[in-house]
Amino acid sequence: AAKQNEMIREYEKKFADQKSDYEVMIDSIKEDSNKGIRDQDRAHRREVDDLTKAYEQKLAQQEQQMKERERVTTQNHEQELDNMRRAHNALLQRRNV
């Protein structure tokens, strides 16, 4: 009976040691997984930030191009209007002569 109790204690000790080792391994795996998830989250946030900046720059560039087109179009219309006024004034002067 004493030998059997000693064997039971040995198995219980081995089982407790094994359980402790597995818990340490599980904790280590959890830490590695959490670190991996945090790294992925960080990378995704960086990627989203980069995309956001790129789109903001593209929008700003398009806005600037639009303003430049409006300016050129306005300038061209003003020149055409001035040319028409001059032509009209010249026509009126010819009629009055």
PDB file of N, CA and C in Angstrom:
ATOM      1  N   ALA A   1       0.823  -1.193   0.000  1.00  0.00           N
ATOM      2  CA  ALA A   1       0.000   0.000   0.000  1.00  0.00           C
ATOM      3  C   ALA A   1       0.863   1.252   0.000  1.00  0.00           C
ATOM      4  N   ALA A   2       1.973   1.215   0.761  1.00  0.00           N
ATOM      5  CA  ALA A   2       2.866   2.370   0.822  1.00  0.00           C
ATOM      6  C   ALA A   2       3.498   2.604  -0.540  1.00  0.00           C
ATOM      7  N   LYS A   3       3.884   1.485  -1.206  1.00  0.00           N
ATOM      8  CA  LYS A   3       4.503   1.606  -2.526  1.00  0.00           C
ATOM      9  C   LYS A   3       3.490   2.174  -3.531  1.00  0.00           C
ATOM     10  N   GLN A   4       2.255   1.733  -3.420  1.00  0.00           N
ATOM     11  CA  GLN A   4       1.203   2.208  -4.314  1.00  0.00           C
ATOM     12  C   GLN A   4       0.926   3.691  -4.058  1.00  0.00           C
ATOM     13  N   ASN A   5       0.897   4.110  -2.794  1.00  0.00           N
ATOM     14  CA  ASN A   5       0.692   5.531  -2.456  1.00  0.00           C
ATOM     15  C   ASN A   5       1.845   6.374  -2.990  1.00  0.00           C
ATOM     16  N   GLU A   6       3.058   5.830  -2.897  1.00  0.00           N
ATOM     17  CA  GLU A   6       4.230   6.558  -3.397  1.00  0.00           C
ATOM     18  C   GLU A   6       4.129   6.714  -4.914  1.00  0.00           C
ATOM     19  N   MET A   7       3.700   5.676  -5.612  1.00  0.00           N
ATOM     20  CA  MET A   7       3.534   5.751  -7.067  1.00  0.00           C
ATOM     21  C   MET A   7       2.453   6.776  -7.432  1.00  0.00           C
ATOM     22  N   ILE A   8       1.385   6.776  -6.659  1.00  0.00           N
ATOM     23  CA  ILE A   8       0.306   7.745  -6.910  1.00  0.00           C
ATOM     24  C   ILE A   8       0.828   9.161  -6.728  1.00  0.00           C
ATOM     25  N   ARG A   9       1.613   9.390  -5.662  1.00  0.00           N
ATOM     26  CA  ARG A   9       2.180  10.724  -5.424  1.00  0.00           C
ATOM     27  C   ARG A   9       3.128  11.119  -6.566  1.00  0.00           C
ATOM     28  N   GLU A  10       3.917  10.151  -7.052  1.00  0.00           N
ATOM     29  CA  GLU A  10       4.832  10.434  -8.161  1.00  0.00           C
ATOM     30  C   GLU A  10       4.039  10.841  -9.404  1.00  0.00           C
ATOM     31  N   TYR A  11       2.985  10.085  -9.723  1.00  0.00           N
ATOM     32  CA  TYR A  11       2.158  10.418 -10.880  1.00  0.00           C
ATOM     33  C   TYR A  11       1.479  11.773 -10.692  1.00  0.00           C
ATOM     34  N   GLU A  12       1.001  12.037  -9.492  1.00  0.00           N
ATOM     35  CA  GLU A  12       0.375  13.338  -9.227  1.00  0.00           C
ATOM     36  C   GLU A  12       1.379  14.463  -9.389  1.00  0.00           C
ATOM     37  N   LYS A  13       2.624  14.234  -8.917  1.00  0.00           N
ATOM     38  CA  LYS A  13       3.673  15.249  -9.055  1.00  0.00           C
ATOM     39  C   LYS A  13       4.004  15.454 -10.532  1.00  0.00           C
ATOM     40  N   LYS A  14       4.166  14.337 -11.275  1.00  0.00           N
ATOM     41  CA  LYS A  14       4.453  14.447 -12.707  1.00  0.00           C
ATOM     42  C   LYS A  14       3.310  15.160 -13.420  1.00  0.00           C
ATOM     43  N   PHE A  15       2.092  14.793 -13.058  1.00  0.00           N
ATOM     44  CA  PHE A  15       0.922  15.424 -13.656  1.00  0.00           C
ATOM     45  C   PHE A  15       0.901  16.922 -13.350  1.00  0.00           C
ATOM     46  N   ALA A  16       1.185  17.303 -12.110  1.00  0.00           N
ATOM     47  CA  ALA A  16       1.209  18.717 -11.711  1.00  0.00           C
ATOM     48  C   ALA A  16       2.317  19.453 -12.459  1.00  0.00           C
ATOM     49  N   ASP A  17       3.500  18.814 -12.566  1.00  0.00           N
ATOM     50  CA  ASP A  17       4.606  19.433 -13.304  1.00  0.00           C
ATOM     51  C   ASP A  17       4.239  19.611 -14.776  1.00  0.00           C
ATOM     52  N   GLN A  18       3.658  18.571 -15.355  1.00  0.00           N
ATOM     53  CA  GLN A  18       3.258  18.625 -16.753  1.00  0.00           C
ATOM     54  C   GLN A  18       2.198  19.706 -16.969  1.00  0.00           C
ATOM     55  N   LYS A  19       1.249  19.780 -16.043  1.00  0.00           N
ATOM     56  CA  LYS A  19       0.200  20.795 -16.126  1.00  0.00           C
ATOM     57  C   LYS A  19       0.817  22.184 -16.065  1.00  0.00           C
ATOM     58  N   SER A  20       1.762  22.365 -15.163  1.00  0.00           N
ATOM     59  CA  SER A  20       2.445  23.651 -15.018  1.00  0.00           C
ATOM     60  C   SER A  20       3.200  23.998 -16.303  1.00  0.00           C
ATOM     61  N   ASP A  21       3.908  23.014 -16.874  1.00  0.00           N
ATOM     62  CA  ASP A  21       4.639  23.249 -18.126  1.00  0.00           C
ATOM     63  C   ASP A  21       3.684  23.653 -19.247  1.00  0.00           C
ATOM     64  N   TYR A  22       2.551  22.951 -19.351  1.00  0.00           N
ATOM     65  CA  TYR A  22       1.579  23.272 -20.389  1.00  0.00           C
ATOM     66  C   TYR A  22       0.985  24.663 -20.183  1.00  0.00           C
ATOM     67  N   GLU A  23       0.731  25.033 -18.945  1.00  0.00           N
ATOM     68  CA  GLU A  23       0.199  26.369 -18.671  1.00  0.00           C
ATOM     69  C   GLU A  23       1.197  27.438 -19.084  1.00  0.00           C
ATOM     70  N   VAL A  24       2.489  27.182 -18.819  1.00  0.00           N
ATOM     71  CA  VAL A  24       3.530  28.130 -19.232  1.00  0.00           C
ATOM     72  C   VAL A  24       3.552  28.229 -20.758  1.00  0.00           C
ATOM     73  N   MET A  25       3.473  27.069 -21.439  1.00  0.00           N
ATOM     74  CA  MET A  25       3.471  27.075 -22.904  1.00  0.00           C
ATOM     75  C   MET A  25       2.246  27.802 -23.448  1.00  0.00           C
ATOM     76  N   ILE A  26       1.099  27.552 -22.842  1.00  0.00           N
ATOM     77  CA  ILE A  26      -0.134  28.209 -23.290  1.00  0.00           C
ATOM     78  C   ILE A  26      -0.025  29.718 -23.096  1.00  0.00           C
ATOM     79  N   ASP A  27       0.495  30.148 -21.949  1.00  0.00           N
ATOM     80  CA  ASP A  27       0.668  31.585 -21.705  1.00  0.00           C
ATOM     81  C   ASP A  27       1.615  32.191 -22.730  1.00  0.00           C
ATOM     82  N   SER A  28       2.685  31.479 -23.052  1.00  0.00           N
ATOM     83  CA  SER A  28       3.645  31.961 -24.036  1.00  0.00           C
ATOM     84  C   SER A  28       2.995  32.082 -25.415  1.00  0.00           C
ATOM     85  N   ILE A  29       2.221  31.073 -25.781  1.00  0.00           N
ATOM     86  CA  ILE A  29       1.524  31.105 -27.070  1.00  0.00           C
ATOM     87  C   ILE A  29       0.523  32.255 -27.108  1.00  0.00           C
ATOM     88  N   LYS A  30      -0.194  32.473 -26.005  1.00  0.00           N
ATOM     89  CA  LYS A  30      -1.151  33.585 -25.937  1.00  0.00           C
ATOM     90  C   LYS A  30      -0.432  34.917 -26.112  1.00  0.00           C
ATOM     91  N   GLU A  31       0.704  35.080 -25.420  1.00  0.00           N
ATOM     92  CA  GLU A  31       1.466  36.325 -25.542  1.00  0.00           C
ATOM     93  C   GLU A  31       1.924  36.536 -26.977  1.00  0.00           C
ATOM     94  N   ASP A  32       2.454  35.471 -27.601  1.00  0.00           N
ATOM     95  CA  ASP A  32       2.901  35.583 -28.991  1.00  0.00           C
ATOM     96  C   ASP A  32       1.739  35.937 -29.915  1.00  0.00           C
ATOM     97  N   SER A  33       0.599  35.298 -29.693  1.00  0.00           N
ATOM     98  CA  SER A  33      -0.584  35.579 -30.518  1.00  0.00           C
ATOM     99  C   SER A  33      -1.039  37.021 -30.334  1.00  0.00           C
ATOM    100  N   ASN A  34      -1.104  37.462 -29.089  1.00  0.00           N
ATOM    101  CA  ASN A  34      -1.523  38.844 -28.821  1.00  0.00           C
ATOM    102  C   ASN A  34      -0.555  39.835 -29.442  1.00  0.00           C
ATOM    103  N   LYS A  35       0.739  39.540 -29.362  1.00  0.00           N
ATOM    104  CA  LYS A  35       1.740  40.425 -29.968  1.00  0.00           C
ATOM    105  C   LYS A  35       1.551  40.458 -31.479  1.00  0.00           C
ATOM    106  N   GLY A  36       1.321  39.290 -32.067  1.00  0.00           N
ATOM    107  CA  GLY A  36       1.080  39.230 -33.509  1.00  0.00           C
ATOM    108  C   GLY A  36      -0.142  40.026 -33.912  1.00  0.00           C
ATOM    109  N   ILE A  37      -1.196  39.911 -33.131  1.00  0.00           N
ATOM    110  CA  ILE A  37      -2.428  40.658 -33.417  1.00  0.00           C
ATOM    111  C   ILE A  37      -2.172  42.159 -33.299  1.00  0.00           C
ATOM    112  N   ARG A  38      -1.461  42.563 -32.251  1.00  0.00           N
ATOM    113  CA  ARG A  38      -1.152  43.994 -32.084  1.00  0.00           C
ATOM    114  C   ARG A  38      -0.302  44.502 -33.247  1.00  0.00           C
ATOM    115  N   ASP A  39       0.682  43.689 -33.666  1.00  0.00           N
ATOM    116  CA  ASP A  39       1.525  44.086 -34.795  1.00  0.00           C
ATOM    117  C   ASP A  39       0.701  44.226 -36.073  1.00  0.00           C
ATOM    118  N   GLN A  40      -0.213  43.284 -36.294  1.00  0.00           N
ATOM    119  CA  GLN A  40      -1.082  43.367 -37.473  1.00  0.00           C
ATOM    120  C   GLN A  40      -1.985  44.589 -37.400  1.00  0.00           C
ATOM    121  N   ASP A  41      -2.546  44.847 -36.228  1.00  0.00           N
ATOM    122  CA  ASP A  41      -3.397  46.033 -36.060  1.00  0.00           C
ATOM    123  C   ASP A  41      -2.610  47.304 -36.363  1.00  0.00           C
ATOM    124  N   ARG A  42      -1.394  47.356 -35.838  1.00  0.00           N
ATOM    125  CA  ARG A  42      -0.544  48.523 -36.067  1.00  0.00           C
ATOM    126  C   ARG A  42      -0.259  48.679 -37.566  1.00  0.00           C
ATOM    127  N   ALA A  43       0.058  47.567 -38.226  1.00  0.00           N
ATOM    128  CA  ALA A  43       0.342  47.615 -39.660  1.00  0.00           C
ATOM    129  C   ALA A  43      -0.895  48.058 -40.442  1.00  0.00           C
ATOM    130  N   HIS A  44      -2.065  47.551 -40.065  1.00  0.00           N
ATOM    131  CA  HIS A  44      -3.304  47.947 -40.746  1.00  0.00           C
ATOM    132  C   HIS A  44      -3.605  49.427 -40.522  1.00  0.00           C
ATOM    133  N   ARG A  45      -3.399  49.896 -39.298  1.00  0.00           N
ATOM    134  CA  ARG A  45      -3.628  51.324 -39.029  1.00  0.00           C
ATOM    135  C   ARG A  45      -2.680  52.178 -39.865  1.00  0.00           C
ATOM    136  N   ARG A  46      -1.417  51.750 -39.949  1.00  0.00           N
ATOM    137  CA  ARG A  46      -0.441  52.483 -40.750  1.00  0.00           C
ATOM    138  C   ARG A  46      -0.872  52.498 -42.217  1.00  0.00           C
ATOM    139  N   GLU A  47      -1.328  51.361 -42.694  1.00  0.00           N
ATOM    140  CA  GLU A  47      -1.769  51.261 -44.086  1.00  0.00           C
ATOM    141  C   GLU A  47      -2.972  52.162 -44.340  1.00  0.00           C
ATOM    142  N   VAL A  48      -3.923  52.160 -43.424  1.00  0.00           N
ATOM    143  CA  VAL A  48      -5.101  53.026 -43.564  1.00  0.00           C
ATOM    144  C   VAL A  48      -4.678  54.494 -43.520  1.00  0.00           C
ATOM    145  N   ASP A  49      -3.763  54.833 -42.617  1.00  0.00           N
ATOM    146  CA  ASP A  49      -3.274  56.213 -42.540  1.00  0.00           C
ATOM    147  C   ASP A  49      -2.589  56.616 -43.844  1.00  0.00           C
ATOM    148  N   ASP A  50      -1.766  55.715 -44.391  1.00  0.00           N
ATOM    149  CA  ASP A  50      -1.079  56.012 -45.647  1.00  0.00           C
ATOM    150  C   ASP A  50      -2.074  56.206 -46.783  1.00  0.00           C
ATOM    151  N   LEU A  51      -3.078  55.334 -46.849  1.00  0.00           N
ATOM    152  CA  LEU A  51      -4.101  55.473 -47.888  1.00  0.00           C
ATOM    153  C   LEU A  51      -4.879  56.771 -47.722  1.00  0.00           C
ATOM    154  N   THR A  52      -5.200  57.104 -46.475  1.00  0.00           N
ATOM    155  CA  THR A  52      -5.927  58.345 -46.204  1.00  0.00           C
ATOM    156  C   THR A  52      -5.113  59.549 -46.660  1.00  0.00           C
ATOM    157  N   LYS A  53      -3.829  59.554 -46.313  1.00  0.00           N
ATOM    158  CA  LYS A  53      -2.966  60.665 -46.732  1.00  0.00           C
ATOM    159  C   LYS A  53      -2.877  60.750 -48.246  1.00  0.00           C
ATOM    160  N   ALA A  54      -2.748  59.595 -48.903  1.00  0.00           N
ATOM    161  CA  ALA A  54      -2.649  59.584 -50.363  1.00  0.00           C
ATOM    162  C   ALA A  54      -3.924  60.141 -50.994  1.00  0.00           C
ATOM    163  N   TYR A  55      -5.084  59.724 -50.476  1.00  0.00           N
ATOM    164  CA  TYR A  55      -6.348  60.240 -51.016  1.00  0.00           C
ATOM    165  C   TYR A  55      -6.500  61.730 -50.732  1.00  0.00           C
ATOM    166  N   GLU A  56      -6.103  62.161 -49.546  1.00  0.00           N
ATOM    167  CA  GLU A  56      -6.193  63.591 -49.226  1.00  0.00           C
ATOM    168  C   GLU A  56      -5.301  64.399 -50.157  1.00  0.00           C
ATOM    169  N   GLN A  57      -4.093  63.883 -50.426  1.00  0.00           N
ATOM    170  CA  GLN A  57      -3.194  64.581 -51.348  1.00  0.00           C
ATOM    171  C   GLN A  57      -3.779  64.614 -52.754  1.00  0.00           C
ATOM    172  N   LYS A  58      -4.363  63.480 -53.171  1.00  0.00           N
ATOM    173  CA  LYS A  58      -4.960  63.419 -54.502  1.00  0.00           C
ATOM    174  C   LYS A  58      -6.123  64.397 -54.608  1.00  0.00           C
ATOM    175  N   LEU A  59      -6.967  64.454 -53.571  1.00  0.00           N
ATOM    176  CA  LEU A  59      -8.089  65.391 -53.579  1.00  0.00           C
ATOM    177  C   LEU A  59      -7.605  66.835 -53.615  1.00  0.00           C
ATOM    178  N   ALA A  60      -6.568  67.135 -52.836  1.00  0.00           N
ATOM    179  CA  ALA A  60      -6.019  68.492 -52.827  1.00  0.00           C
ATOM    180  C   ALA A  60      -5.457  68.840 -54.203  1.00  0.00           C
ATOM    181  N   GLN A  61      -4.784  67.878 -54.821  1.00  0.00           N
ATOM    182  CA  GLN A  61      -4.224  68.104 -56.151  1.00  0.00           C
ATOM    183  C   GLN A  61      -5.343  68.334 -57.171  1.00  0.00           C
ATOM    184  N   GLN A  62      -6.395  67.522 -57.101  1.00  0.00           N
ATOM    185  CA  GLN A  62      -7.518  67.690 -58.024  1.00  0.00           C
ATOM    186  C   GLN A  62      -8.214  69.028 -57.800  1.00  0.00           C
ATOM    187  N   GLU A  63      -8.337  69.426 -56.545  1.00  0.00           N
ATOM    188  CA  GLU A  63      -8.948  70.718 -56.238  1.00  0.00           C
ATOM    189  C   GLU A  63      -8.111  71.852 -56.821  1.00  0.00           C
ATOM    190  N   GLN A  64      -6.795  71.743 -56.688  1.00  0.00           N
ATOM    191  CA  GLN A  64      -5.903  72.766 -57.233  1.00  0.00           C
ATOM    192  C   GLN A  64      -6.016  72.808 -58.757  1.00  0.00           C
ATOM    193  N   GLN A  65      -6.074  71.630 -59.389  1.00  0.00           N
ATOM    194  CA  GLN A  65      -6.212  71.579 -60.846  1.00  0.00           C
ATOM    195  C   GLN A  65      -7.539  72.189 -61.283  1.00  0.00           C
ATOM    196  N   MET A  66      -8.594  71.919 -60.522  1.00  0.00           N
ATOM    197  CA  MET A  66      -9.908  72.464 -60.844  1.00  0.00           C
ATOM    198  C   MET A  66      -9.879  73.994 -60.746  1.00  0.00           C
ATOM    199  N   LYS A  67      -9.265  74.503 -59.695  1.00  0.00           N
ATOM    200  CA  LYS A  67      -9.174  75.959 -59.537  1.00  0.00           C
ATOM    201  C   LYS A  67      -8.387  76.573 -60.692  1.00  0.00           C
ATOM    202  N   GLU A  68      -7.310  75.900 -61.097  1.00  0.00           N
ATOM    203  CA  GLU A  68      -6.498  76.407 -62.204  1.00  0.00           C
ATOM    204  C   GLU A  68      -7.313  76.390 -63.503  1.00  0.00           C
ATOM    205  N   ARG A  69      -8.073  75.316 -63.740  1.00  0.00           N
ATOM    206  CA  ARG A  69      -8.934  75.255 -64.931  1.00  0.00           C
ATOM    207  C   ARG A  69      -9.970  76.375 -64.910  1.00  0.00           C
ATOM    208  N   GLU A  70     -10.570  76.604 -63.747  1.00  0.00           N
ATOM    209  CA  GLU A  70     -11.563  77.681 -63.625  1.00  0.00           C
ATOM    210  C   GLU A  70     -10.921  79.032 -63.920  1.00  0.00           C
ATOM    211  N   ARG A  71      -9.711  79.216 -63.402  1.00  0.00           N
ATOM    212  CA  ARG A  71      -9.020  80.488 -63.627  1.00  0.00           C
ATOM    213  C   ARG A  71      -8.734  80.687 -65.113  1.00  0.00           C
ATOM    214  N   VAL A  72      -8.221  79.636 -65.766  1.00  0.00           N
ATOM    215  CA  VAL A  72      -7.899  79.728 -67.193  1.00  0.00           C
ATOM    216  C   VAL A  72      -9.167  79.935 -68.018  1.00  0.00           C
ATOM    217  N   THR A  73     -10.219  79.213 -67.690  1.00  0.00           N
ATOM    218  CA  THR A  73     -11.490  79.353 -68.410  1.00  0.00           C
ATOM    219  C   THR A  73     -12.045  80.764 -68.245  1.00  0.00           C
ATOM    220  N   THR A  74     -12.017  81.269 -67.027  1.00  0.00           N
ATOM    221  CA  THR A  74     -12.492  82.632 -66.763  1.00  0.00           C
ATOM    222  C   THR A  74     -11.661  83.640 -67.539  1.00  0.00           C
ATOM    223  N   GLN A  75     -10.363  83.459 -67.527  1.00  0.00           N
ATOM    224  CA  GLN A  75      -9.465  84.371 -68.243  1.00  0.00           C
ATOM    225  C   GLN A  75      -9.766  84.333 -69.746  1.00  0.00           C
ATOM    226  N   ASN A  76      -9.967  83.134 -70.292  1.00  0.00           N
ATOM    227  CA  ASN A  76     -10.282  83.010 -71.724  1.00  0.00           C
ATOM    228  C   ASN A  76     -11.611  83.685 -72.055  1.00  0.00           C
ATOM    229  N   HIS A  77     -12.614  83.494 -71.214  1.00  0.00           N
ATOM    230  CA  HIS A  77     -13.914  84.134 -71.452  1.00  0.00           C
ATOM    231  C   HIS A  77     -13.797  85.651 -71.355  1.00  0.00           C
ATOM    232  N   GLU A  78     -13.024  86.125 -70.406  1.00  0.00           N
ATOM    233  CA  GLU A  78     -12.840  87.574 -70.281  1.00  0.00           C
ATOM    234  C   GLU A  78     -12.143  88.132 -71.516  1.00  0.00           C
ATOM    235  N   GLN A  79     -11.158  87.407 -72.025  1.00  0.00           N
ATOM    236  CA  GLN A  79     -10.468  87.858 -73.239  1.00  0.00           C
ATOM    237  C   GLN A  79     -11.421  87.869 -74.435  1.00  0.00           C
ATOM    238  N   GLU A  80     -12.236  86.818 -74.559  1.00  0.00           N
ATOM    239  CA  GLU A  80     -13.217  86.776 -75.646  1.00  0.00           C
ATOM    240  C   GLU A  80     -14.220  87.914 -75.520  1.00  0.00           C
ATOM    241  N   LEU A  81     -14.660  88.179 -74.286  1.00  0.00           N
ATOM    242  CA  LEU A  81     -15.603  89.269 -74.056  1.00  0.00           C
ATOM    243  C   LEU A  81     -14.968  90.608 -74.411  1.00  0.00           C
ATOM    244  N   ASP A  82     -13.718  90.815 -74.013  1.00  0.00           N
ATOM    245  CA  ASP A  82     -13.013  92.053 -74.362  1.00  0.00           C
ATOM    246  C   ASP A  82     -12.878  92.184 -75.879  1.00  0.00           C
ATOM    247  N   ASN A  83     -12.549  91.088 -76.552  1.00  0.00           N
ATOM    248  CA  ASN A  83     -12.426  91.130 -78.018  1.00  0.00           C
ATOM    249  C   ASN A  83     -13.764  91.485 -78.661  1.00  0.00           C
ATOM    250  N   MET A  84     -14.847  90.906 -78.138  1.00  0.00           N
ATOM    251  CA  MET A  84     -16.173  91.219 -78.687  1.00  0.00           C
ATOM    252  C   MET A  84     -16.536  92.678 -78.429  1.00  0.00           C
ATOM    253  N   ARG A  85     -16.196  93.199 -77.252  1.00  0.00           N
ATOM    254  CA  ARG A  85     -16.482  94.615 -76.949  1.00  0.00           C
ATOM    255  C   ARG A  85     -15.714  95.525 -77.900  1.00  0.00           C
ATOM    256  N   ARG A  86     -14.437  95.198 -78.101  1.00  0.00           N
ATOM    257  CA  ARG A  86     -13.632  96.021 -79.018  1.00  0.00           C
ATOM    258  C   ARG A  86     -14.206  95.969 -80.433  1.00  0.00           C
ATOM    259  N   ALA A  87     -14.577  94.759 -80.848  1.00  0.00           N
ATOM    260  CA  ALA A  87     -15.143  94.612 -82.190  1.00  0.00           C
ATOM    261  C   ALA A  87     -16.457  95.380 -82.285  1.00  0.00           C
ATOM    262  N   HIS A  88     -17.265  95.311 -81.260  1.00  0.00           N
ATOM    263  CA  HIS A  88     -18.536  96.029 -81.238  1.00  0.00           C
ATOM    264  C   HIS A  88     -18.297  97.541 -81.253  1.00  0.00           C
ATOM    265  N   ASN A  89     -17.361  97.999 -80.424  1.00  0.00           N
ATOM    266  CA  ASN A  89     -17.050  99.438 -80.397  1.00  0.00           C
ATOM    267  C   ASN A  89     -16.489  99.893 -81.740  1.00  0.00           C
ATOM    268  N   ALA A  90     -15.646  99.072 -82.356  1.00  0.00           N
ATOM    269  CA  ALA A  90     -15.087  99.430 -83.666  1.00  0.00           C
ATOM    270  C   ALA A  90     -16.204  99.504 -84.707  1.00  0.00           C
ATOM    271  N   LEU A  91     -17.139  98.573 -84.638  1.00  0.00           N
ATOM    272  CA  LEU A  91     -18.276  98.575 -85.563  1.00  0.00           C
ATOM    273  C   LEU A  91     -19.127  99.823 -85.364  1.00  0.00           C
ATOM    274  N   LEU A  92     -19.369 100.182 -84.090  1.00  0.00           N
ATOM    275  CA  LEU A  92     -20.150 101.396 -83.811  1.00  0.00           C
ATOM    276  C   LEU A  92     -19.428 102.641 -84.317  1.00  0.00           C
ATOM    277  N   GLN A  93     -18.124 102.677 -84.169  1.00  0.00           N
ATOM    278  CA  GLN A  93     -17.364 103.843 -84.638  1.00  0.00           C
ATOM    279  C   GLN A  93     -17.405 103.928 -86.162  1.00  0.00           C
ATOM    280  N   ARG A  94     -17.345 102.798 -86.855  1.00  0.00           N
ATOM    281  CA  ARG A  94     -17.412 102.809 -88.320  1.00  0.00           C
ATOM    282  C   ARG A  94     -18.780 103.301 -88.794  1.00  0.00           C
ATOM    283  N   ARG A  95     -19.817 102.923 -88.067  1.00  0.00           N
ATOM    284  CA  ARG A  95     -21.164 103.359 -88.455  1.00  0.00           C
ATOM    285  C   ARG A  95     -21.343 104.857 -88.234  1.00  0.00           C
ATOM    286  N   ASN A  96     -20.703 105.373 -87.190  1.00  0.00           N
ATOM    287  CA  ASN A  96     -20.845 106.792 -86.868  1.00  0.00           C
ATOM    288  C   ASN A  96     -19.972 107.665 -87.752  1.00  0.00           C
ATOM    289  N   VAL A  97     -19.050 107.096 -88.458  1.00  0.00           N
ATOM    290  CA  VAL A  97     -18.136 107.892 -89.285  1.00  0.00           C
ATOM    291  C   VAL A  97     -18.764 108.294 -90.562  1.00  0.00           C
TER     292      VAL A  97
END
